[in-house]
Amino acid sequence: EPISVEKVAELTYYSKSHFMKFFKTYTGKSPARYRTEQKVGQAMMMLESGLPIKEAARLTGYSDVYAFTKQFTKTCGMPPGKYIQTRLK
């Protein structure tokens, strides 16, 4: 189940803005960017293991393959199909 930045901030006793500033200082990324990169990283491992794109998208929380492909391409610089092809060579 996804957890919001507000909830994490509340659990750490920080305001949302303070938590976001602390998180970016520590990781170099916003919480949203970090989460996206983690999800795409998981998807990359799934694709490398032979899981179909549609299944990798579903398991990483994307509601449709189009949204997954768009985010994957933005993060990795290539669509998932091309990523699979380059990994199989």
PDB file of N, CA and C in Angstrom:
ATOM      1  N   GLU A   1       0.849  -1.176   0.000  1.00  0.00           N
ATOM      2  CA  GLU A   1       0.000   0.000   0.000  1.00  0.00           C
ATOM      3  C   GLU A   1       0.895   1.239   0.000  1.00  0.00           C
ATOM      4  N   PRO A   2       0.648   2.153  -0.928  1.00  0.00           N
ATOM      5  CA  PRO A   2       1.465   3.375  -0.974  1.00  0.00           C
ATOM      6  C   PRO A   2       1.292   4.205   0.296  1.00  0.00           C
ATOM      7  N   ILE A   3       2.351   4.855   0.690  1.00  0.00           N
ATOM      8  CA  ILE A   3       2.294   5.736   1.855  1.00  0.00           C
ATOM      9  C   ILE A   3       2.631   7.147   1.383  1.00  0.00           C
ATOM     10  N   SER A   4       1.897   8.099   1.870  1.00  0.00           N
ATOM     11  CA  SER A   4       2.084   9.480   1.426  1.00  0.00           C
ATOM     12  C   SER A   4       3.240  10.149   2.157  1.00  0.00           C
ATOM     13  N   VAL A   5       3.770  11.187   1.550  1.00  0.00           N
ATOM     14  CA  VAL A   5       4.835  11.977   2.176  1.00  0.00           C
ATOM     15  C   VAL A   5       4.314  12.584   3.473  1.00  0.00           C
ATOM     16  N   GLU A   6       3.062  12.988   3.464  1.00  0.00           N
ATOM     17  CA  GLU A   6       2.464  13.570   4.666  1.00  0.00           C
ATOM     18  C   GLU A   6       2.495  12.583   5.833  1.00  0.00           C
ATOM     19  N   LYS A   7       2.174  11.316   5.529  1.00  0.00           N
ATOM     20  CA  LYS A   7       2.145  10.287   6.576  1.00  0.00           C
ATOM     21  C   LYS A   7       3.555   9.999   7.092  1.00  0.00           C
ATOM     22  N   VAL A   8       4.527   9.923   6.199  1.00  0.00           N
ATOM     23  CA  VAL A   8       5.910   9.687   6.625  1.00  0.00           C
ATOM     24  C   VAL A   8       6.392  10.857   7.477  1.00  0.00           C
ATOM     25  N   ALA A   9       6.092  12.071   7.045  1.00  0.00           N
ATOM     26  CA  ALA A   9       6.481  13.250   7.822  1.00  0.00           C
ATOM     27  C   ALA A   9       5.860  13.200   9.216  1.00  0.00           C
ATOM     28  N   GLU A  10       4.598  12.832   9.260  1.00  0.00           N
ATOM     29  CA  GLU A  10       3.898  12.727  10.540  1.00  0.00           C
ATOM     30  C   GLU A  10       4.551  11.667  11.432  1.00  0.00           C
ATOM     31  N   LEU A  11       4.898  10.539  10.865  1.00  0.00           N
ATOM     32  CA  LEU A  11       5.522   9.457  11.639  1.00  0.00           C
ATOM     33  C   LEU A  11       6.914   9.821  12.139  1.00  0.00           C
ATOM     34  N   THR A  12       7.586  10.729  11.445  1.00  0.00           N
ATOM     35  CA  THR A  12       8.928  11.150  11.853  1.00  0.00           C
ATOM     36  C   THR A  12       8.904  12.456  12.654  1.00  0.00           C
ATOM     37  N   TYR A  13       7.714  12.952  12.920  1.00  0.00           N
ATOM     38  CA  TYR A  13       7.517  14.166  13.707  1.00  0.00           C
ATOM     39  C   TYR A  13       8.085  15.418  13.047  1.00  0.00           C
ATOM     40  N   TYR A  14       8.076  15.427  11.717  1.00  0.00           N
ATOM     41  CA  TYR A  14       8.478  16.603  10.952  1.00  0.00           C
ATOM     42  C   TYR A  14       7.272  17.154  10.223  1.00  0.00           C
ATOM     43  N   SER A  15       7.345  18.427   9.871  1.00  0.00           N
ATOM     44  CA  SER A  15       6.338  18.964   8.960  1.00  0.00           C
ATOM     45  C   SER A  15       6.651  18.400   7.582  1.00  0.00           C
ATOM     46  N   LYS A  16       5.684  18.454   6.689  1.00  0.00           N
ATOM     47  CA  LYS A  16       5.900  17.928   5.345  1.00  0.00           C
ATOM     48  C   LYS A  16       7.065  18.645   4.671  1.00  0.00           C
ATOM     49  N   SER A  17       7.093  19.963   4.749  1.00  0.00           N
ATOM     50  CA  SER A  17       8.152  20.716   4.069  1.00  0.00           C
ATOM     51  C   SER A  17       9.522  20.422   4.674  1.00  0.00           C
ATOM     52  N   HIS A  18       9.600  20.301   5.991  1.00  0.00           N
ATOM     53  CA  HIS A  18      10.872  19.993   6.645  1.00  0.00           C
ATOM     54  C   HIS A  18      11.349  18.592   6.254  1.00  0.00           C
ATOM     55  N   PHE A  19      10.422  17.634   6.249  1.00  0.00           N
ATOM     56  CA  PHE A  19      10.782  16.276   5.866  1.00  0.00           C
ATOM     57  C   PHE A  19      11.293  16.234   4.424  1.00  0.00           C
ATOM     58  N   MET A  20      10.600  16.913   3.518  1.00  0.00           N
ATOM     59  CA  MET A  20      11.002  16.910   2.115  1.00  0.00           C
ATOM     60  C   MET A  20      12.386  17.531   1.942  1.00  0.00           C
ATOM     61  N   LYS A  21      12.663  18.598   2.672  1.00  0.00           N
ATOM     62  CA  LYS A  21      13.976  19.241   2.605  1.00  0.00           C
ATOM     63  C   LYS A  21      15.056  18.295   3.150  1.00  0.00           C
ATOM     64  N   PHE A  22      14.783  17.676   4.281  1.00  0.00           N
ATOM     65  CA  PHE A  22      15.719  16.727   4.881  1.00  0.00           C
ATOM     66  C   PHE A  22      15.969  15.548   3.930  1.00  0.00           C
ATOM     67  N   PHE A  23      14.906  15.013   3.352  1.00  0.00           N
ATOM     68  CA  PHE A  23      15.018  13.865   2.452  1.00  0.00           C
ATOM     69  C   PHE A  23      15.876  14.212   1.238  1.00  0.00           C
ATOM     70  N   LYS A  24      15.634  15.370   0.649  1.00  0.00           N
ATOM     71  CA  LYS A  24      16.391  15.772  -0.536  1.00  0.00           C
ATOM     72  C   LYS A  24      17.859  16.018  -0.181  1.00  0.00           C
ATOM     73  N   THR A  25      18.113  16.581   0.969  1.00  0.00           N
ATOM     74  CA  THR A  25      19.492  16.798   1.410  1.00  0.00           C
ATOM     75  C   THR A  25      20.212  15.463   1.577  1.00  0.00           C
ATOM     76  N   TYR A  26      19.528  14.499   2.148  1.00  0.00           N
ATOM     77  CA  TYR A  26      20.123  13.200   2.424  1.00  0.00           C
ATOM     78  C   TYR A  26      20.303  12.346   1.169  1.00  0.00           C
ATOM     79  N   THR A  27      19.290  12.337   0.275  1.00  0.00           N
ATOM     80  CA  THR A  27      19.322  11.458  -0.899  1.00  0.00           C
ATOM     81  C   THR A  27      19.694  12.165  -2.193  1.00  0.00           C
ATOM     82  N   GLY A  28      19.550  13.485  -2.219  1.00  0.00           N
ATOM     83  CA  GLY A  28      19.791  14.230  -3.453  1.00  0.00           C
ATOM     84  C   GLY A  28      18.589  14.234  -4.379  1.00  0.00           C
ATOM     85  N   LYS A  29      17.470  13.667  -3.917  1.00  0.00           N
ATOM     86  CA  LYS A  29      16.262  13.561  -4.743  1.00  0.00           C
ATOM     87  C   LYS A  29      15.034  13.872  -3.906  1.00  0.00           C
ATOM     88  N   SER A  30      13.982  14.274  -4.589  1.00  0.00           N
ATOM     89  CA  SER A  30      12.711  14.445  -3.885  1.00  0.00           C
ATOM     90  C   SER A  30      12.154  13.064  -3.556  1.00  0.00           C
ATOM     91  N   PRO A  31      11.263  12.978  -2.565  1.00  0.00           N
ATOM     92  CA  PRO A  31      10.661  11.678  -2.254  1.00  0.00           C
ATOM     93  C   PRO A  31       9.975  11.041  -3.470  1.00  0.00           C
ATOM     94  N   ALA A  32       9.307  11.842  -4.268  1.00  0.00           N
ATOM     95  CA  ALA A  32       8.611  11.314  -5.443  1.00  0.00           C
ATOM     96  C   ALA A  32       9.599  10.750  -6.461  1.00  0.00           C
ATOM     97  N   ARG A  33      10.678  11.467  -6.713  1.00  0.00           N
ATOM     98  CA  ARG A  33      11.691  11.008  -7.674  1.00  0.00           C
ATOM     99  C   ARG A  33      12.359   9.723  -7.174  1.00  0.00           C
ATOM    100  N   TYR A  34      12.660   9.693  -5.893  1.00  0.00           N
ATOM    101  CA  TYR A  34      13.278   8.514  -5.289  1.00  0.00           C
ATOM    102  C   TYR A  34      12.363   7.301  -5.451  1.00  0.00           C
ATOM    103  N   ARG A  35      11.103   7.482  -5.137  1.00  0.00           N
ATOM    104  CA  ARG A  35      10.124   6.386  -5.245  1.00  0.00           C
ATOM    105  C   ARG A  35      10.009   5.900  -6.685  1.00  0.00           C
ATOM    106  N   THR A  36       9.936   6.825  -7.623  1.00  0.00           N
ATOM    107  CA  THR A  36       9.846   6.462  -9.037  1.00  0.00           C
ATOM    108  C   THR A  36      11.064   5.659  -9.463  1.00  0.00           C
ATOM    109  N   GLU A  37      12.236   6.111  -9.092  1.00  0.00           N
ATOM    110  CA  GLU A  37      13.463   5.403  -9.461  1.00  0.00           C
ATOM    111  C   GLU A  37      13.521   4.014  -8.833  1.00  0.00           C
ATOM    112  N   GLN A  38      13.014   3.864  -7.628  1.00  0.00           N
ATOM    113  CA  GLN A  38      12.969   2.556  -6.981  1.00  0.00           C
ATOM    114  C   GLN A  38      12.022   1.620  -7.721  1.00  0.00           C
ATOM    115  N   LYS A  39      10.848   2.130  -8.102  1.00  0.00           N
ATOM    116  CA  LYS A  39       9.872   1.327  -8.824  1.00  0.00           C
ATOM    117  C   LYS A  39      10.415   0.900 -10.188  1.00  0.00           C
ATOM    118  N   VAL A  40      11.035   1.813 -10.891  1.00  0.00           N
ATOM    119  CA  VAL A  40      11.590   1.477 -12.202  1.00  0.00           C
ATOM    120  C   VAL A  40      12.751   0.494 -12.048  1.00  0.00           C
ATOM    121  N   GLY A  41      13.546   0.657 -11.020  1.00  0.00           N
ATOM    122  CA  GLY A  41      14.627  -0.291 -10.756  1.00  0.00           C
ATOM    123  C   GLY A  41      14.098  -1.704 -10.517  1.00  0.00           C
ATOM    124  N   GLN A  42      13.013  -1.806  -9.773  1.00  0.00           N
ATOM    125  CA  GLN A  42      12.382  -3.109  -9.552  1.00  0.00           C
ATOM    126  C   GLN A  42      11.866  -3.673 -10.870  1.00  0.00           C
ATOM    127  N   ALA A  43      11.254  -2.812 -11.671  1.00  0.00           N
ATOM    128  CA  ALA A  43      10.730  -3.241 -12.969  1.00  0.00           C
ATOM    129  C   ALA A  43      11.863  -3.734 -13.870  1.00  0.00           C
ATOM    130  N   MET A  44      13.000  -3.064 -13.835  1.00  0.00           N
ATOM    131  CA  MET A  44      14.148  -3.486 -14.645  1.00  0.00           C
ATOM    132  C   MET A  44      14.572  -4.907 -14.279  1.00  0.00           C
ATOM    133  N   MET A  45      14.636  -5.192 -12.998  1.00  0.00           N
ATOM    134  CA  MET A  45      15.008  -6.537 -12.564  1.00  0.00           C
ATOM    135  C   MET A  45      13.966  -7.562 -13.011  1.00  0.00           C
ATOM    136  N   MET A  46      12.697  -7.188 -12.937  1.00  0.00           N
ATOM    137  CA  MET A  46      11.631  -8.092 -13.374  1.00  0.00           C
ATOM    138  C   MET A  46      11.746  -8.383 -14.866  1.00  0.00           C
ATOM    139  N   LEU A  47      11.982  -7.341 -15.634  1.00  0.00           N
ATOM    140  CA  LEU A  47      12.111  -7.510 -17.085  1.00  0.00           C
ATOM    141  C   LEU A  47      13.323  -8.372 -17.424  1.00  0.00           C
ATOM    142  N   GLU A  48      14.409  -8.170 -16.723  1.00  0.00           N
ATOM    143  CA  GLU A  48      15.619  -8.966 -16.956  1.00  0.00           C
ATOM    144  C   GLU A  48      15.396 -10.441 -16.632  1.00  0.00           C
ATOM    145  N   SER A  49      14.474 -10.717 -15.717  1.00  0.00           N
ATOM    146  CA  SER A  49      14.196 -12.105 -15.348  1.00  0.00           C
ATOM    147  C   SER A  49      13.187 -12.753 -16.291  1.00  0.00           C
ATOM    148  N   GLY A  50      12.703 -11.992 -17.277  1.00  0.00           N
ATOM    149  CA  GLY A  50      11.797 -12.563 -18.271  1.00  0.00           C
ATOM    150  C   GLY A  50      10.329 -12.265 -18.062  1.00  0.00           C
ATOM    151  N   LEU A  51       9.998 -11.478 -17.061  1.00  0.00           N
ATOM    152  CA  LEU A  51       8.602 -11.124 -16.818  1.00  0.00           C
ATOM    153  C   LEU A  51       8.097 -10.229 -17.944  1.00  0.00           C
ATOM    154  N   PRO A  52       6.888 -10.449 -18.430  1.00  0.00           N
ATOM    155  CA  PRO A  52       6.343  -9.580 -19.481  1.00  0.00           C
ATOM    156  C   PRO A  52       6.191  -8.132 -18.989  1.00  0.00           C
ATOM    157  N   ILE A  53       6.266  -7.194 -19.915  1.00  0.00           N
ATOM    158  CA  ILE A  53       6.161  -5.763 -19.589  1.00  0.00           C
ATOM    159  C   ILE A  53       4.867  -5.468 -18.836  1.00  0.00           C
ATOM    160  N   LYS A  54       3.764  -6.019 -19.311  1.00  0.00           N
ATOM    161  CA  LYS A  54       2.470  -5.757 -18.674  1.00  0.00           C
ATOM    162  C   LYS A  54       2.469  -6.207 -17.209  1.00  0.00           C
ATOM    163  N   GLU A  55       3.075  -7.342 -16.935  1.00  0.00           N
ATOM    164  CA  GLU A  55       3.123  -7.857 -15.567  1.00  0.00           C
ATOM    165  C   GLU A  55       4.056  -7.021 -14.692  1.00  0.00           C
ATOM    166  N   ALA A  56       5.190  -6.615 -15.224  1.00  0.00           N
ATOM    167  CA  ALA A  56       6.113  -5.750 -14.480  1.00  0.00           C
ATOM    168  C   ALA A  56       5.428  -4.430 -14.142  1.00  0.00           C
ATOM    169  N   ALA A  57       4.675  -3.904 -15.086  1.00  0.00           N
ATOM    170  CA  ALA A  57       3.936  -2.658 -14.843  1.00  0.00           C
ATOM    171  C   ALA A  57       2.937  -2.849 -13.700  1.00  0.00           C
ATOM    172  N   ARG A  58       2.171  -3.909 -13.744  1.00  0.00           N
ATOM    173  CA  ARG A  58       1.164  -4.174 -12.715  1.00  0.00           C
ATOM    174  C   ARG A  58       1.809  -4.365 -11.344  1.00  0.00           C
ATOM    175  N   LEU A  59       2.873  -5.142 -11.296  1.00  0.00           N
ATOM    176  CA  LEU A  59       3.513  -5.437 -10.009  1.00  0.00           C
ATOM    177  C   LEU A  59       4.213  -4.231  -9.388  1.00  0.00           C
ATOM    178  N   THR A  60       4.566  -3.254 -10.205  1.00  0.00           N
ATOM    179  CA  THR A  60       5.196  -2.051  -9.657  1.00  0.00           C
ATOM    180  C   THR A  60       4.195  -0.929  -9.425  1.00  0.00           C
ATOM    181  N   GLY A  61       2.920  -1.238  -9.584  1.00  0.00           N
ATOM    182  CA  GLY A  61       1.877  -0.293  -9.196  1.00  0.00           C
ATOM    183  C   GLY A  61       1.339   0.618 -10.278  1.00  0.00           C
ATOM    184  N   TYR A  62       1.668   0.353 -11.528  1.00  0.00           N
ATOM    185  CA  TYR A  62       1.141   1.180 -12.614  1.00  0.00           C
ATOM    186  C   TYR A  62      -0.188   0.613 -13.078  1.00  0.00           C
ATOM    187  N   SER A  63      -1.150   1.499 -13.286  1.00  0.00           N
ATOM    188  CA  SER A  63      -2.495   1.069 -13.658  1.00  0.00           C
ATOM    189  C   SER A  63      -2.591   0.639 -15.116  1.00  0.00           C
ATOM    190  N   ASP A  64      -1.689   1.127 -15.945  1.00  0.00           N
ATOM    191  CA  ASP A  64      -1.703   0.714 -17.348  1.00  0.00           C
ATOM    192  C   ASP A  64      -0.295   0.724 -17.925  1.00  0.00           C
ATOM    193  N   VAL A  65      -0.123  -0.028 -18.988  1.00  0.00           N
ATOM    194  CA  VAL A  65       1.196  -0.178 -19.611  1.00  0.00           C
ATOM    195  C   VAL A  65       1.678   1.147 -20.205  1.00  0.00           C
ATOM    196  N   TYR A  66       0.753   1.968 -20.702  1.00  0.00           N
ATOM    197  CA  TYR A  66       1.149   3.251 -21.287  1.00  0.00           C
ATOM    198  C   TYR A  66       1.841   4.126 -20.243  1.00  0.00           C
ATOM    199  N   ALA A  67       1.242   4.266 -19.066  1.00  0.00           N
ATOM    200  CA  ALA A  67       1.834   5.101 -18.003  1.00  0.00           C
ATOM    201  C   ALA A  67       3.183   4.521 -17.565  1.00  0.00           C
ATOM    202  N   PHE A  68       3.248   3.213 -17.451  1.00  0.00           N
ATOM    203  CA  PHE A  68       4.492   2.547 -17.078  1.00  0.00           C
ATOM    204  C   PHE A  68       5.581   2.814 -18.119  1.00  0.00           C
ATOM    205  N   THR A  69       5.243   2.622 -19.394  1.00  0.00           N
ATOM    206  CA  THR A  69       6.207   2.811 -20.476  1.00  0.00           C
ATOM    207  C   THR A  69       6.703   4.248 -20.518  1.00  0.00           C
ATOM    208  N   LYS A  70       5.798   5.184 -20.323  1.00  0.00           N
ATOM    209  CA  LYS A  70       6.171   6.599 -20.323  1.00  0.00           C
ATOM    210  C   LYS A  70       7.157   6.903 -19.200  1.00  0.00           C
ATOM    211  N   GLN A  71       6.870   6.420 -17.996  1.00  0.00           N
ATOM    212  CA  GLN A  71       7.757   6.678 -16.852  1.00  0.00           C
ATOM    213  C   GLN A  71       9.074   5.921 -16.991  1.00  0.00           C
ATOM    214  N   PHE A  72       9.017   4.694 -17.453  1.00  0.00           N
ATOM    215  CA  PHE A  72      10.223   3.890 -17.652  1.00  0.00           C
ATOM    216  C   PHE A  72      11.148   4.587 -18.643  1.00  0.00           C
ATOM    217  N   THR A  73      10.581   5.044 -19.749  1.00  0.00           N
ATOM    218  CA  THR A  73      11.366   5.727 -20.786  1.00  0.00           C
ATOM    219  C   THR A  73      11.983   7.008 -20.246  1.00  0.00           C
ATOM    220  N   LYS A  74      11.212   7.761 -19.488  1.00  0.00           N
ATOM    221  CA  LYS A  74      11.714   9.011 -18.904  1.00  0.00           C
ATOM    222  C   LYS A  74      12.866   8.732 -17.935  1.00  0.00           C
ATOM    223  N   THR A  75      12.755   7.677 -17.166  1.00  0.00           N
ATOM    224  CA  THR A  75      13.757   7.356 -16.159  1.00  0.00           C
ATOM    225  C   THR A  75      14.992   6.684 -16.758  1.00  0.00           C
ATOM    226  N   CYS A  76      14.787   5.757 -17.685  1.00  0.00           N
ATOM    227  CA  CYS A  76      15.899   4.955 -18.234  1.00  0.00           C
ATOM    228  C   CYS A  76      16.442   5.466 -19.556  1.00  0.00           C
ATOM    229  N   GLY A  77      15.697   6.315 -20.221  1.00  0.00           N
ATOM    230  CA  GLY A  77      16.153   6.816 -21.513  1.00  0.00           C
ATOM    231  C   GLY A  77      15.791   5.925 -22.683  1.00  0.00           C
ATOM    232  N   MET A  78      15.052   4.851 -22.416  1.00  0.00           N
ATOM    233  CA  MET A  78      14.588   3.967 -23.488  1.00  0.00           C
ATOM    234  C   MET A  78      13.333   3.234 -23.009  1.00  0.00           C
ATOM    235  N   PRO A  79      12.464   2.847 -23.933  1.00  0.00           N
ATOM    236  CA  PRO A  79      11.264   2.110 -23.530  1.00  0.00           C
ATOM    237  C   PRO A  79      11.600   0.702 -23.033  1.00  0.00           C
ATOM    238  N   PRO A  80      10.699   0.092 -22.289  1.00  0.00           N
ATOM    239  CA  PRO A  80      10.987  -1.223 -21.726  1.00  0.00           C
ATOM    240  C   PRO A  80      11.314  -2.288 -22.776  1.00  0.00           C
ATOM    241  N   GLY A  81      10.641  -2.270 -23.907  1.00  0.00           N
ATOM    242  CA  GLY A  81      10.926  -3.249 -24.961  1.00  0.00           C
ATOM    243  C   GLY A  81      12.358  -3.169 -25.459  1.00  0.00           C
ATOM    244  N   LYS A  82      12.836  -1.951 -25.663  1.00  0.00           N
ATOM    245  CA  LYS A  82      14.212  -1.753 -26.095  1.00  0.00           C
ATOM    246  C   LYS A  82      15.188  -2.139 -24.990  1.00  0.00           C
ATOM    247  N   TYR A  83      14.829  -1.839 -23.742  1.00  0.00           N
ATOM    248  CA  TYR A  83      15.665  -2.217 -22.602  1.00  0.00           C
ATOM    249  C   TYR A  83      15.866  -3.735 -22.582  1.00  0.00           C
ATOM    250  N   ILE A  84      14.781  -4.472 -22.782  1.00  0.00           N
ATOM    251  CA  ILE A  84      14.864  -5.935 -22.805  1.00  0.00           C
ATOM    252  C   ILE A  84      15.789  -6.387 -23.936  1.00  0.00           C
ATOM    253  N   GLN A  85      15.626  -5.805 -25.111  1.00  0.00           N
ATOM    254  CA  GLN A  85      16.460  -6.184 -26.258  1.00  0.00           C
ATOM    255  C   GLN A  85      17.943  -5.925 -25.976  1.00  0.00           C
ATOM    256  N   THR A  86      18.263  -4.808 -25.356  1.00  0.00           N
ATOM    257  CA  THR A  86      19.670  -4.508 -25.084  1.00  0.00           C
ATOM    258  C   THR A  86      20.246  -5.443 -24.022  1.00  0.00           C
ATOM    259  N   ARG A  87      19.419  -5.908 -23.116  1.00  0.00           N
ATOM    260  CA  ARG A  87      19.880  -6.800 -22.055  1.00  0.00           C
ATOM    261  C   ARG A  87      20.051  -8.238 -22.560  1.00  0.00           C
ATOM    262  N   LEU A  88      19.346  -8.588 -23.635  1.00  0.00           N
ATOM    263  CA  LEU A  88      19.432  -9.944 -24.167  1.00  0.00           C
ATOM    264  C   LEU A  88      20.647 -10.145 -25.065  1.00  0.00           C
ATOM    265  N   LYS A  89      21.268  -9.071 -25.496  1.00  0.00           N
ATOM    266  CA  LYS A  89      22.430  -9.163 -26.402  1.00  0.00           C
ATOM    267  C   LYS A  89      23.642  -9.655 -25.677  1.00  0.00           C
TER     268      LYS A  89
END
